[in-house]
Amino acid sequence: KTLVGRLNSGALPVPIDLISTQTIGPSLGTQATEAGVKAAIIGFLAIALFLIIWYRLPGVVAVVALSIYVALMLTIFKLMSVVLTAAGIAGFIISMGLAVDANVLIFERMKEEIRNGKGLIDAVEMGFARAWTSIRDSHIAAIIVSVILFFMGTSVVKGFAYTFFLGAVVSLISAQLITRVFMRAIVTKSGSRFVKFLFSSGFSSK
């Protein structure tokens, strides 16, 4: 009440209500933040290893695109002065999962086109075209959920929803721009066995 009274006595003619308060000790807050950052780094490395092993050359492209995605997100956080709390870091980590899921959908569609006899160039274009609907719908659903959480959740939930919203928007854009540009740059008309191996996935060379 004292805080509300002091804020209301300021120059702004806008009433301020105290919705919630939290008291977190410096040691506990530091530990939570460090644990979140450590989880994000470990998760990123584990995902990168999986993508490269399972999807080979497209997996390398996905890791590069994911790295650019993370750099873009950190830049946005810096420009918008976003304070990364433990909840905010959790939202950022989950948004990374959305970005990875978009790449997996694209690569699986590409693999189906290659199995159907399409050339690599056509398979890449068809893969992006066929995956776009699923990517769009999943990201729009994530954006809607994050907006609802932001306007209806508590202050802690708002931090999660805010970073999750930003991540979903950036992921939706990067899936169609960054990954597509890199895939178009490396794809080739060659039908050699080595090239097919590089663009295959899993334990198959076809």
N, C-alpha and C. Protein backbone atom coordinates (compact mmCIF):
# COMPACT_ATOMS: atom_id res chain seq x y z
N LYS A 1 0.82 -1.21 0.00
CA LYS A 1 0.00 0.00 0.00
C LYS A 1 0.86 1.26 0.00
N THR A 2 1.94 1.19 0.76
CA THR A 2 2.85 2.34 0.78
C THR A 2 3.45 2.59 -0.59
N LEU A 3 3.86 1.48 -1.27
CA LEU A 3 4.44 1.59 -2.61
C LEU A 3 3.43 2.17 -3.59
N VAL A 4 2.19 1.68 -3.53
CA VAL A 4 1.14 2.19 -4.42
C VAL A 4 0.91 3.67 -4.18
N GLY A 5 0.89 4.06 -2.90
CA GLY A 5 0.68 5.46 -2.57
C GLY A 5 1.78 6.34 -3.11
N ARG A 6 3.02 5.88 -3.00
CA ARG A 6 4.14 6.67 -3.49
C ARG A 6 4.13 6.78 -5.01
N LEU A 7 3.77 5.67 -5.69
CA LEU A 7 3.72 5.70 -7.15
C LEU A 7 2.59 6.58 -7.65
N ASN A 8 1.44 6.51 -6.97
CA ASN A 8 0.30 7.33 -7.38
C ASN A 8 0.54 8.82 -7.13
N SER A 9 1.45 9.15 -6.25
CA SER A 9 1.72 10.56 -5.96
C SER A 9 2.69 11.18 -6.97
N GLY A 10 3.10 10.42 -7.98
CA GLY A 10 4.00 10.92 -9.00
C GLY A 10 3.30 11.86 -9.97
N ALA A 11 4.04 12.22 -11.03
CA ALA A 11 3.52 13.20 -11.98
C ALA A 11 2.50 12.59 -12.95
N LEU A 12 2.55 11.29 -13.18
CA LEU A 12 1.64 10.69 -14.16
C LEU A 12 0.23 10.62 -13.60
N PRO A 13 -0.76 11.06 -14.36
CA PRO A 13 -2.16 11.03 -13.89
C PRO A 13 -2.81 9.68 -14.13
N VAL A 14 -2.05 8.61 -13.98
CA VAL A 14 -2.57 7.26 -14.23
C VAL A 14 -2.54 6.48 -12.92
N PRO A 15 -3.66 5.95 -12.48
CA PRO A 15 -3.65 5.19 -11.22
C PRO A 15 -2.88 3.88 -11.37
N ILE A 16 -2.17 3.50 -10.35
CA ILE A 16 -1.37 2.28 -10.35
C ILE A 16 -1.83 1.39 -9.21
N ASP A 17 -2.10 0.14 -9.54
CA ASP A 17 -2.50 -0.84 -8.53
C ASP A 17 -1.42 -1.90 -8.40
N LEU A 18 -1.12 -2.26 -7.18
CA LEU A 18 -0.14 -3.31 -6.92
C LEU A 18 -0.81 -4.66 -7.12
N ILE A 19 -0.43 -5.39 -8.18
CA ILE A 19 -1.05 -6.67 -8.50
C ILE A 19 -0.41 -7.81 -7.73
N SER A 20 0.91 -7.85 -7.72
CA SER A 20 1.60 -8.93 -7.01
C SER A 20 3.01 -8.49 -6.67
N THR A 21 3.55 -9.11 -5.67
CA THR A 21 4.94 -8.85 -5.27
C THR A 21 5.66 -10.17 -5.06
N GLN A 22 6.96 -10.16 -5.31
CA GLN A 22 7.80 -11.33 -5.09
C GLN A 22 9.10 -10.89 -4.47
N THR A 23 9.54 -11.65 -3.50
CA THR A 23 10.83 -11.37 -2.88
C THR A 23 11.73 -12.58 -3.10
N ILE A 24 12.78 -12.38 -3.86
CA ILE A 24 13.72 -13.46 -4.17
C ILE A 24 15.10 -13.02 -3.75
N GLY A 25 15.73 -13.83 -2.93
CA GLY A 25 17.07 -13.51 -2.48
C GLY A 25 18.05 -13.50 -3.63
N PRO A 26 19.13 -12.73 -3.55
CA PRO A 26 20.09 -12.65 -4.65
C PRO A 26 20.73 -14.00 -4.98
N SER A 27 21.00 -14.81 -3.97
CA SER A 27 21.63 -16.11 -4.23
C SER A 27 20.68 -17.04 -4.95
N LEU A 28 19.41 -17.05 -4.54
CA LEU A 28 18.41 -17.92 -5.18
C LEU A 28 18.16 -17.48 -6.61
N GLY A 29 18.04 -16.17 -6.82
CA GLY A 29 17.82 -15.67 -8.18
C GLY A 29 18.98 -15.97 -9.10
N THR A 30 20.19 -15.83 -8.59
CA THR A 30 21.37 -16.12 -9.39
C THR A 30 21.45 -17.59 -9.75
N GLN A 31 21.16 -18.44 -8.78
CA GLN A 31 21.19 -19.88 -9.04
C GLN A 31 20.16 -20.29 -10.08
N ALA A 32 18.96 -19.73 -9.99
CA ALA A 32 17.90 -20.07 -10.95
C ALA A 32 18.28 -19.62 -12.35
N THR A 33 18.83 -18.42 -12.46
CA THR A 33 19.23 -17.90 -13.77
C THR A 33 20.37 -18.72 -14.37
N GLU A 34 21.37 -19.03 -13.54
CA GLU A 34 22.52 -19.82 -14.02
C GLU A 34 22.07 -21.21 -14.45
N ALA A 35 21.14 -21.80 -13.68
CA ALA A 35 20.62 -23.13 -14.05
C ALA A 35 19.88 -23.07 -15.38
N GLY A 36 19.12 -21.99 -15.62
CA GLY A 36 18.40 -21.84 -16.88
C GLY A 36 19.34 -21.67 -18.06
N VAL A 37 20.37 -20.86 -17.89
CA VAL A 37 21.34 -20.66 -18.96
C VAL A 37 22.08 -21.96 -19.26
N LYS A 38 22.46 -22.69 -18.20
CA LYS A 38 23.14 -23.98 -18.39
C LYS A 38 22.25 -24.97 -19.13
N ALA A 39 20.96 -25.00 -18.77
CA ALA A 39 20.02 -25.90 -19.44
C ALA A 39 19.88 -25.53 -20.91
N ALA A 40 19.86 -24.23 -21.21
CA ALA A 40 19.73 -23.78 -22.60
C ALA A 40 20.95 -24.20 -23.42
N ILE A 41 22.15 -24.05 -22.85
CA ILE A 41 23.37 -24.42 -23.57
C ILE A 41 23.42 -25.93 -23.81
N ILE A 42 23.14 -26.70 -22.79
CA ILE A 42 23.16 -28.17 -22.92
C ILE A 42 22.11 -28.62 -23.93
N GLY A 43 20.92 -28.03 -23.85
CA GLY A 43 19.86 -28.39 -24.79
C GLY A 43 20.23 -28.06 -26.22
N PHE A 44 20.85 -26.90 -26.42
CA PHE A 44 21.27 -26.49 -27.76
C PHE A 44 22.30 -27.47 -28.32
N LEU A 45 23.29 -27.83 -27.52
CA LEU A 45 24.34 -28.74 -27.98
C LEU A 45 23.77 -30.14 -28.28
N ALA A 46 22.85 -30.60 -27.43
CA ALA A 46 22.25 -31.92 -27.65
C ALA A 46 21.43 -31.93 -28.94
N ILE A 47 20.66 -30.87 -29.17
CA ILE A 47 19.86 -30.76 -30.39
C ILE A 47 20.75 -30.69 -31.62
N ALA A 48 21.83 -29.90 -31.53
CA ALA A 48 22.76 -29.75 -32.66
C ALA A 48 23.39 -31.10 -33.01
N LEU A 49 23.78 -31.85 -32.00
CA LEU A 49 24.39 -33.17 -32.23
C LEU A 49 23.40 -34.11 -32.90
N PHE A 50 22.17 -34.11 -32.43
CA PHE A 50 21.14 -34.97 -33.02
C PHE A 50 20.88 -34.61 -34.48
N LEU A 51 20.73 -33.31 -34.76
CA LEU A 51 20.43 -32.87 -36.12
C LEU A 51 21.54 -33.26 -37.10
N ILE A 52 22.79 -33.09 -36.67
CA ILE A 52 23.91 -33.41 -37.56
C ILE A 52 24.02 -34.91 -37.80
N ILE A 53 23.84 -35.71 -36.74
CA ILE A 53 23.96 -37.16 -36.88
C ILE A 53 22.81 -37.72 -37.71
N TRP A 54 21.61 -37.23 -37.46
CA TRP A 54 20.42 -37.83 -38.09
C TRP A 54 20.17 -37.27 -39.49
N TYR A 55 20.34 -35.96 -39.68
CA TYR A 55 20.00 -35.34 -40.96
C TYR A 55 21.21 -34.95 -41.80
N ARG A 56 22.42 -35.20 -41.30
CA ARG A 56 23.66 -35.01 -42.06
C ARG A 56 23.80 -33.57 -42.56
N LEU A 57 23.95 -33.36 -43.85
CA LEU A 57 24.20 -32.01 -44.34
C LEU A 57 23.04 -31.05 -44.06
N PRO A 58 21.79 -31.43 -44.30
CA PRO A 58 20.69 -30.55 -43.89
C PRO A 58 20.70 -30.28 -42.38
N GLY A 59 21.17 -31.25 -41.60
CA GLY A 59 21.28 -31.04 -40.17
C GLY A 59 22.28 -29.96 -39.82
N VAL A 60 23.40 -29.93 -40.56
CA VAL A 60 24.38 -28.86 -40.36
C VAL A 60 23.75 -27.51 -40.69
N VAL A 61 22.99 -27.47 -41.77
CA VAL A 61 22.28 -26.23 -42.14
C VAL A 61 21.32 -25.82 -41.03
N ALA A 62 20.61 -26.79 -40.46
CA ALA A 62 19.66 -26.50 -39.39
C ALA A 62 20.38 -25.93 -38.16
N VAL A 63 21.56 -26.47 -37.85
CA VAL A 63 22.33 -25.97 -36.70
C VAL A 63 22.77 -24.53 -36.94
N VAL A 64 23.23 -24.23 -38.17
CA VAL A 64 23.63 -22.86 -38.50
C VAL A 64 22.42 -21.92 -38.40
N ALA A 65 21.28 -22.37 -38.95
CA ALA A 65 20.07 -21.56 -38.88
C ALA A 65 19.62 -21.35 -37.44
N LEU A 66 19.75 -22.41 -36.62
CA LEU A 66 19.36 -22.31 -35.21
C LEU A 66 20.29 -21.35 -34.46
N SER A 67 21.57 -21.37 -34.81
CA SER A 67 22.53 -20.45 -34.19
C SER A 67 22.17 -19.00 -34.53
N ILE A 68 21.80 -18.77 -35.79
CA ILE A 68 21.39 -17.42 -36.20
C ILE A 68 20.11 -17.02 -35.46
N TYR A 69 19.20 -17.98 -35.31
CA TYR A 69 17.96 -17.74 -34.58
C TYR A 69 18.25 -17.30 -33.14
N VAL A 70 19.15 -18.03 -32.47
CA VAL A 70 19.51 -17.68 -31.09
C VAL A 70 20.14 -16.29 -31.04
N ALA A 71 21.01 -15.99 -32.00
CA ALA A 71 21.66 -14.68 -32.04
C ALA A 71 20.62 -13.57 -32.24
N LEU A 72 19.65 -13.81 -33.12
CA LEU A 72 18.60 -12.83 -33.35
C LEU A 72 17.77 -12.60 -32.08
N MET A 73 17.44 -13.70 -31.40
CA MET A 73 16.65 -13.59 -30.18
C MET A 73 17.40 -12.80 -29.11
N LEU A 74 18.68 -13.09 -28.93
CA LEU A 74 19.47 -12.37 -27.92
C LEU A 74 19.59 -10.89 -28.29
N THR A 75 19.69 -10.61 -29.59
CA THR A 75 19.75 -9.22 -30.04
C THR A 75 18.44 -8.50 -29.73
N ILE A 76 17.33 -9.16 -29.98
CA ILE A 76 16.01 -8.58 -29.68
C ILE A 76 15.87 -8.35 -28.18
N PHE A 77 16.31 -9.32 -27.38
CA PHE A 77 16.25 -9.15 -25.93
C PHE A 77 17.06 -7.93 -25.49
N LYS A 78 18.22 -7.74 -26.13
CA LYS A 78 19.07 -6.61 -25.78
C LYS A 78 18.44 -5.29 -26.18
N LEU A 79 17.91 -5.24 -27.41
CA LEU A 79 17.33 -3.99 -27.90
C LEU A 79 16.06 -3.62 -27.15
N MET A 80 15.29 -4.63 -26.74
CA MET A 80 14.03 -4.37 -26.04
C MET A 80 14.20 -4.37 -24.53
N SER A 81 15.44 -4.51 -24.08
CA SER A 81 15.75 -4.50 -22.63
C SER A 81 14.95 -5.55 -21.87
N VAL A 82 14.90 -6.75 -22.43
CA VAL A 82 14.19 -7.86 -21.79
C VAL A 82 15.05 -8.43 -20.67
N VAL A 83 14.48 -8.51 -19.48
CA VAL A 83 15.18 -9.11 -18.34
C VAL A 83 14.88 -10.61 -18.34
N LEU A 84 15.91 -11.43 -18.52
CA LEU A 84 15.73 -12.87 -18.60
C LEU A 84 15.67 -13.48 -17.20
N THR A 85 14.46 -13.63 -16.70
CA THR A 85 14.25 -14.35 -15.45
C THR A 85 14.25 -15.85 -15.75
N ALA A 86 14.11 -16.66 -14.70
CA ALA A 86 14.06 -18.11 -14.90
C ALA A 86 12.89 -18.49 -15.80
N ALA A 87 11.73 -17.84 -15.60
CA ALA A 87 10.56 -18.12 -16.44
C ALA A 87 10.80 -17.67 -17.88
N GLY A 88 11.46 -16.52 -18.04
CA GLY A 88 11.76 -16.03 -19.39
C GLY A 88 12.70 -16.95 -20.13
N ILE A 89 13.70 -17.47 -19.43
CA ILE A 89 14.63 -18.41 -20.05
C ILE A 89 13.90 -19.69 -20.47
N ALA A 90 12.95 -20.13 -19.63
CA ALA A 90 12.16 -21.31 -19.98
C ALA A 90 11.37 -21.09 -21.26
N GLY A 91 10.77 -19.90 -21.40
CA GLY A 91 10.05 -19.59 -22.62
C GLY A 91 10.96 -19.56 -23.83
N PHE A 92 12.18 -19.06 -23.65
CA PHE A 92 13.16 -19.01 -24.73
C PHE A 92 13.57 -20.42 -25.15
N ILE A 93 13.77 -21.31 -24.18
CA ILE A 93 14.17 -22.69 -24.48
C ILE A 93 13.07 -23.41 -25.26
N ILE A 94 11.82 -23.22 -24.85
CA ILE A 94 10.71 -23.87 -25.55
C ILE A 94 10.57 -23.31 -26.96
N SER A 95 10.81 -22.03 -27.14
CA SER A 95 10.74 -21.46 -28.48
C SER A 95 11.84 -22.03 -29.38
N MET A 96 12.99 -22.39 -28.80
CA MET A 96 14.02 -23.07 -29.57
C MET A 96 13.50 -24.41 -30.08
N GLY A 97 12.71 -25.08 -29.25
CA GLY A 97 12.11 -26.34 -29.68
C GLY A 97 11.20 -26.15 -30.88
N LEU A 98 10.46 -25.04 -30.91
CA LEU A 98 9.62 -24.73 -32.07
C LEU A 98 10.45 -24.56 -33.33
N ALA A 99 11.59 -23.87 -33.19
CA ALA A 99 12.46 -23.65 -34.35
C ALA A 99 13.01 -24.96 -34.87
N VAL A 100 13.39 -25.86 -33.96
CA VAL A 100 13.91 -27.16 -34.37
C VAL A 100 12.81 -27.98 -35.04
N ASP A 101 11.62 -27.95 -34.47
CA ASP A 101 10.49 -28.70 -35.02
C ASP A 101 10.19 -28.27 -36.45
N ALA A 102 10.31 -26.98 -36.73
CA ALA A 102 10.07 -26.48 -38.09
C ALA A 102 11.07 -27.08 -39.07
N ASN A 103 12.34 -27.13 -38.67
CA ASN A 103 13.36 -27.72 -39.55
C ASN A 103 13.14 -29.21 -39.75
N VAL A 104 12.75 -29.92 -38.70
CA VAL A 104 12.50 -31.35 -38.81
C VAL A 104 11.36 -31.62 -39.79
N LEU A 105 10.29 -30.83 -39.70
CA LEU A 105 9.18 -30.99 -40.64
C LEU A 105 9.63 -30.80 -42.08
N ILE A 106 10.45 -29.78 -42.31
CA ILE A 106 10.94 -29.50 -43.66
C ILE A 106 11.78 -30.66 -44.17
N PHE A 107 12.70 -31.16 -43.36
CA PHE A 107 13.60 -32.23 -43.79
C PHE A 107 12.85 -33.54 -44.03
N GLU A 108 11.84 -33.83 -43.22
CA GLU A 108 11.06 -35.05 -43.42
C GLU A 108 10.26 -34.97 -44.72
N ARG A 109 9.72 -33.80 -45.02
CA ARG A 109 9.00 -33.64 -46.29
C ARG A 109 9.97 -33.76 -47.47
N MET A 110 11.16 -33.22 -47.33
CA MET A 110 12.19 -33.35 -48.36
C MET A 110 12.52 -34.82 -48.60
N LYS A 111 12.67 -35.56 -47.51
CA LYS A 111 13.00 -36.97 -47.62
C LYS A 111 11.91 -37.75 -48.35
N GLU A 112 10.66 -37.41 -48.09
CA GLU A 112 9.55 -38.07 -48.79
C GLU A 112 9.61 -37.78 -50.29
N GLU A 113 9.92 -36.55 -50.64
CA GLU A 113 10.00 -36.18 -52.06
C GLU A 113 11.15 -36.91 -52.75
N ILE A 114 12.27 -37.05 -52.08
CA ILE A 114 13.42 -37.78 -52.64
C ILE A 114 13.06 -39.24 -52.85
N ARG A 115 12.35 -39.83 -51.90
CA ARG A 115 11.92 -41.22 -52.03
C ARG A 115 10.95 -41.40 -53.19
N ASN A 116 10.19 -40.35 -53.49
CA ASN A 116 9.24 -40.41 -54.60
C ASN A 116 9.90 -40.16 -55.95
N GLY A 117 11.22 -40.03 -55.96
CA GLY A 117 11.95 -39.89 -57.21
C GLY A 117 12.27 -38.48 -57.65
N LYS A 118 11.95 -37.48 -56.79
CA LYS A 118 12.25 -36.09 -57.14
C LYS A 118 13.75 -35.83 -57.05
N GLY A 119 14.24 -34.91 -57.87
CA GLY A 119 15.62 -34.45 -57.75
C GLY A 119 15.79 -33.61 -56.50
N LEU A 120 17.05 -33.36 -56.10
CA LEU A 120 17.30 -32.65 -54.85
C LEU A 120 16.72 -31.24 -54.87
N ILE A 121 16.88 -30.54 -56.00
CA ILE A 121 16.38 -29.16 -56.07
C ILE A 121 14.86 -29.13 -55.93
N ASP A 122 14.19 -30.01 -56.66
CA ASP A 122 12.73 -30.08 -56.56
C ASP A 122 12.29 -30.55 -55.19
N ALA A 123 13.05 -31.47 -54.60
CA ALA A 123 12.70 -31.99 -53.28
C ALA A 123 12.79 -30.90 -52.22
N VAL A 124 13.79 -30.04 -52.34
CA VAL A 124 13.93 -28.94 -51.38
C VAL A 124 12.74 -27.99 -51.49
N GLU A 125 12.38 -27.60 -52.70
CA GLU A 125 11.27 -26.66 -52.89
C GLU A 125 9.95 -27.27 -52.44
N MET A 126 9.72 -28.54 -52.81
CA MET A 126 8.49 -29.21 -52.41
C MET A 126 8.45 -29.44 -50.91
N GLY A 127 9.61 -29.72 -50.32
CA GLY A 127 9.67 -29.93 -48.89
C GLY A 127 9.25 -28.70 -48.11
N PHE A 128 9.74 -27.54 -48.53
CA PHE A 128 9.35 -26.30 -47.87
C PHE A 128 7.87 -26.01 -48.10
N ALA A 129 7.40 -26.24 -49.32
CA ALA A 129 6.00 -25.94 -49.64
C ALA A 129 5.05 -26.83 -48.84
N ARG A 130 5.38 -28.11 -48.73
CA ARG A 130 4.49 -29.05 -48.03
C ARG A 130 4.55 -28.88 -46.52
N ALA A 131 5.69 -28.45 -46.01
CA ALA A 131 5.84 -28.31 -44.56
C ALA A 131 5.27 -26.99 -44.04
N TRP A 132 5.10 -26.01 -44.94
CA TRP A 132 4.72 -24.68 -44.51
C TRP A 132 3.40 -24.65 -43.75
N THR A 133 2.41 -25.40 -44.21
CA THR A 133 1.09 -25.38 -43.55
C THR A 133 1.20 -25.83 -42.10
N SER A 134 1.91 -26.93 -41.87
CA SER A 134 2.07 -27.44 -40.50
C SER A 134 2.87 -26.47 -39.64
N ILE A 135 3.93 -25.90 -40.21
CA ILE A 135 4.75 -24.94 -39.47
C ILE A 135 3.93 -23.71 -39.10
N ARG A 136 3.18 -23.21 -40.06
CA ARG A 136 2.36 -22.02 -39.82
C ARG A 136 1.34 -22.25 -38.72
N ASP A 137 0.62 -23.38 -38.80
CA ASP A 137 -0.42 -23.66 -37.83
C ASP A 137 0.14 -23.83 -36.43
N SER A 138 1.25 -24.55 -36.29
CA SER A 138 1.83 -24.78 -34.96
C SER A 138 2.34 -23.49 -34.35
N HIS A 139 2.93 -22.62 -35.16
CA HIS A 139 3.45 -21.36 -34.65
C HIS A 139 2.33 -20.38 -34.30
N ILE A 140 1.29 -20.35 -35.12
CA ILE A 140 0.15 -19.48 -34.81
C ILE A 140 -0.51 -19.92 -33.50
N ALA A 141 -0.63 -21.24 -33.32
CA ALA A 141 -1.19 -21.76 -32.07
C ALA A 141 -0.32 -21.35 -30.87
N ALA A 142 1.00 -21.42 -31.03
CA ALA A 142 1.91 -21.02 -29.96
C ALA A 142 1.78 -19.52 -29.66
N ILE A 143 1.64 -18.72 -30.70
CA ILE A 143 1.50 -17.27 -30.52
C ILE A 143 0.21 -16.94 -29.78
N ILE A 144 -0.87 -17.60 -30.17
CA ILE A 144 -2.17 -17.37 -29.50
C ILE A 144 -2.08 -17.73 -28.03
N VAL A 145 -1.49 -18.89 -27.73
CA VAL A 145 -1.35 -19.33 -26.33
C VAL A 145 -0.51 -18.34 -25.53
N SER A 146 0.58 -17.87 -26.13
CA SER A 146 1.45 -16.93 -25.41
C SER A 146 0.74 -15.61 -25.13
N VAL A 147 -0.08 -15.15 -26.07
CA VAL A 147 -0.84 -13.91 -25.86
C VAL A 147 -1.84 -14.08 -24.72
N ILE A 148 -2.53 -15.22 -24.71
CA ILE A 148 -3.50 -15.49 -23.63
C ILE A 148 -2.80 -15.55 -22.28
N LEU A 149 -1.66 -16.24 -22.23
CA LEU A 149 -0.92 -16.34 -20.98
C LEU A 149 -0.44 -14.96 -20.51
N PHE A 150 -0.03 -14.12 -21.45
CA PHE A 150 0.49 -12.81 -21.08
C PHE A 150 -0.59 -11.94 -20.46
N PHE A 151 -1.80 -11.95 -21.03
CA PHE A 151 -2.85 -11.07 -20.56
C PHE A 151 -3.64 -11.64 -19.37
N MET A 152 -3.55 -12.96 -19.16
CA MET A 152 -4.33 -13.56 -18.09
C MET A 152 -3.46 -14.16 -16.98
N GLY A 153 -2.16 -14.25 -17.20
CA GLY A 153 -1.29 -14.88 -16.22
C GLY A 153 -0.77 -13.91 -15.18
N THR A 154 -0.07 -14.47 -14.19
CA THR A 154 0.57 -13.66 -13.16
C THR A 154 1.85 -13.04 -13.72
N SER A 155 2.54 -12.26 -12.90
CA SER A 155 3.74 -11.59 -13.35
C SER A 155 4.82 -12.58 -13.79
N VAL A 156 4.92 -13.73 -13.10
CA VAL A 156 5.90 -14.75 -13.48
C VAL A 156 5.55 -15.35 -14.83
N VAL A 157 4.26 -15.65 -15.02
CA VAL A 157 3.80 -16.25 -16.28
C VAL A 157 3.99 -15.26 -17.43
N LYS A 158 3.83 -13.98 -17.16
CA LYS A 158 4.00 -12.97 -18.21
C LYS A 158 5.41 -13.00 -18.78
N GLY A 159 6.42 -13.20 -17.91
CA GLY A 159 7.80 -13.28 -18.39
C GLY A 159 8.01 -14.45 -19.31
N PHE A 160 7.41 -15.59 -18.96
CA PHE A 160 7.48 -16.77 -19.82
C PHE A 160 6.77 -16.51 -21.14
N ALA A 161 5.56 -15.96 -21.07
CA ALA A 161 4.74 -15.74 -22.27
C ALA A 161 5.40 -14.74 -23.22
N TYR A 162 6.05 -13.74 -22.67
CA TYR A 162 6.66 -12.69 -23.49
C TYR A 162 7.80 -13.24 -24.34
N THR A 163 8.73 -13.97 -23.70
CA THR A 163 9.85 -14.53 -24.46
C THR A 163 9.37 -15.63 -25.40
N PHE A 164 8.36 -16.39 -24.99
CA PHE A 164 7.82 -17.44 -25.86
C PHE A 164 7.17 -16.84 -27.09
N PHE A 165 6.47 -15.73 -26.91
CA PHE A 165 5.84 -15.03 -28.04
C PHE A 165 6.90 -14.54 -29.03
N LEU A 166 7.92 -13.87 -28.52
CA LEU A 166 8.98 -13.38 -29.39
C LEU A 166 9.66 -14.53 -30.12
N GLY A 167 9.92 -15.62 -29.41
CA GLY A 167 10.57 -16.77 -30.03
C GLY A 167 9.74 -17.40 -31.12
N ALA A 168 8.43 -17.50 -30.90
CA ALA A 168 7.55 -18.10 -31.90
C ALA A 168 7.49 -17.24 -33.17
N VAL A 169 7.44 -15.93 -33.01
CA VAL A 169 7.40 -15.03 -34.16
C VAL A 169 8.69 -15.11 -34.97
N VAL A 170 9.82 -15.05 -34.28
CA VAL A 170 11.11 -15.11 -34.97
C VAL A 170 11.30 -16.48 -35.62
N SER A 171 10.87 -17.54 -34.94
CA SER A 171 11.00 -18.90 -35.50
C SER A 171 10.18 -19.05 -36.77
N LEU A 172 8.98 -18.48 -36.78
CA LEU A 172 8.12 -18.56 -37.96
C LEU A 172 8.79 -17.90 -39.16
N ILE A 173 9.46 -16.79 -38.92
CA ILE A 173 10.14 -16.08 -40.01
C ILE A 173 11.41 -16.81 -40.44
N SER A 174 12.20 -17.25 -39.46
CA SER A 174 13.49 -17.87 -39.78
C SER A 174 13.34 -19.21 -40.48
N ALA A 175 12.26 -19.93 -40.19
CA ALA A 175 12.06 -21.24 -40.81
C ALA A 175 11.92 -21.12 -42.33
N GLN A 176 11.29 -20.06 -42.77
CA GLN A 176 11.07 -19.89 -44.20
C GLN A 176 12.16 -19.07 -44.89
N LEU A 177 12.88 -18.26 -44.13
CA LEU A 177 13.89 -17.41 -44.75
C LEU A 177 15.29 -17.97 -44.59
N ILE A 178 15.74 -18.14 -43.36
CA ILE A 178 17.13 -18.53 -43.11
C ILE A 178 17.42 -19.93 -43.63
N THR A 179 16.63 -20.91 -43.20
CA THR A 179 16.88 -22.30 -43.61
C THR A 179 16.73 -22.46 -45.12
N ARG A 180 15.73 -21.83 -45.70
CA ARG A 180 15.51 -21.94 -47.14
C ARG A 180 16.69 -21.39 -47.94
N VAL A 181 17.20 -20.23 -47.51
CA VAL A 181 18.33 -19.62 -48.21
C VAL A 181 19.55 -20.54 -48.18
N PHE A 182 19.85 -21.11 -47.02
CA PHE A 182 21.01 -21.98 -46.91
C PHE A 182 20.82 -23.28 -47.70
N MET A 183 19.62 -23.84 -47.67
CA MET A 183 19.37 -25.08 -48.41
C MET A 183 19.47 -24.85 -49.91
N ARG A 184 18.97 -23.73 -50.39
CA ARG A 184 19.09 -23.42 -51.82
C ARG A 184 20.54 -23.21 -52.21
N ALA A 185 21.35 -22.73 -51.28
CA ALA A 185 22.76 -22.45 -51.58
C ALA A 185 23.58 -23.73 -51.71
N ILE A 186 23.22 -24.77 -50.94
CA ILE A 186 24.04 -25.99 -50.94
C ILE A 186 23.49 -27.09 -51.83
N VAL A 187 22.22 -27.00 -52.22
CA VAL A 187 21.63 -28.08 -53.00
C VAL A 187 22.28 -28.14 -54.39
N THR A 188 22.36 -29.32 -54.94
CA THR A 188 23.02 -29.53 -56.22
C THR A 188 22.21 -30.48 -57.09
N LYS A 189 22.45 -30.43 -58.39
CA LYS A 189 21.76 -31.33 -59.31
C LYS A 189 22.43 -32.70 -59.38
N SER A 190 23.58 -32.83 -58.77
CA SER A 190 24.31 -34.09 -58.82
C SER A 190 23.50 -35.22 -58.20
N GLY A 191 23.54 -36.37 -58.86
CA GLY A 191 22.82 -37.54 -58.35
C GLY A 191 23.75 -38.63 -57.86
N SER A 192 24.98 -38.25 -57.51
CA SER A 192 25.95 -39.25 -57.05
C SER A 192 25.53 -39.85 -55.73
N ARG A 193 26.08 -41.02 -55.43
CA ARG A 193 25.71 -41.71 -54.20
C ARG A 193 26.14 -40.91 -52.97
N PHE A 194 27.30 -40.23 -53.07
CA PHE A 194 27.78 -39.45 -51.93
C PHE A 194 26.84 -38.28 -51.63
N VAL A 195 26.37 -37.60 -52.68
CA VAL A 195 25.45 -36.49 -52.48
C VAL A 195 24.13 -36.99 -51.90
N LYS A 196 23.65 -38.13 -52.40
CA LYS A 196 22.41 -38.71 -51.86
C LYS A 196 22.59 -39.09 -50.39
N PHE A 197 23.78 -39.58 -50.05
CA PHE A 197 24.05 -39.92 -48.65
C PHE A 197 24.00 -38.68 -47.77
N LEU A 198 24.58 -37.56 -48.26
CA LEU A 198 24.60 -36.33 -47.48
C LEU A 198 23.19 -35.79 -47.22
N PHE A 199 22.28 -36.02 -48.18
CA PHE A 199 20.94 -35.49 -48.04
C PHE A 199 19.94 -36.54 -47.54
N SER A 200 20.45 -37.72 -47.19
CA SER A 200 19.58 -38.73 -46.58
C SER A 200 19.53 -38.49 -45.08
N SER A 201 18.80 -39.34 -44.38
CA SER A 201 18.71 -39.17 -42.94
C SER A 201 18.64 -40.53 -42.26
N GLY A 202 18.88 -40.52 -40.98
CA GLY A 202 18.81 -41.75 -40.21
C GLY A 202 19.88 -42.74 -40.59
N PHE A 203 19.50 -44.00 -40.63
CA PHE A 203 20.44 -45.06 -40.96
C PHE A 203 20.34 -45.48 -42.42
N SER A 204 19.61 -44.69 -43.20
CA SER A 204 19.42 -45.01 -44.60
C SER A 204 20.35 -44.17 -45.45
N SER A 205 20.78 -44.72 -46.59
CA SER A 205 21.61 -43.97 -47.54
C SER A 205 20.82 -43.62 -48.78
N LYS A 206 19.53 -43.82 -48.74
CA LYS A 206 18.66 -43.55 -49.88
C LYS A 206 17.68 -42.42 -49.54
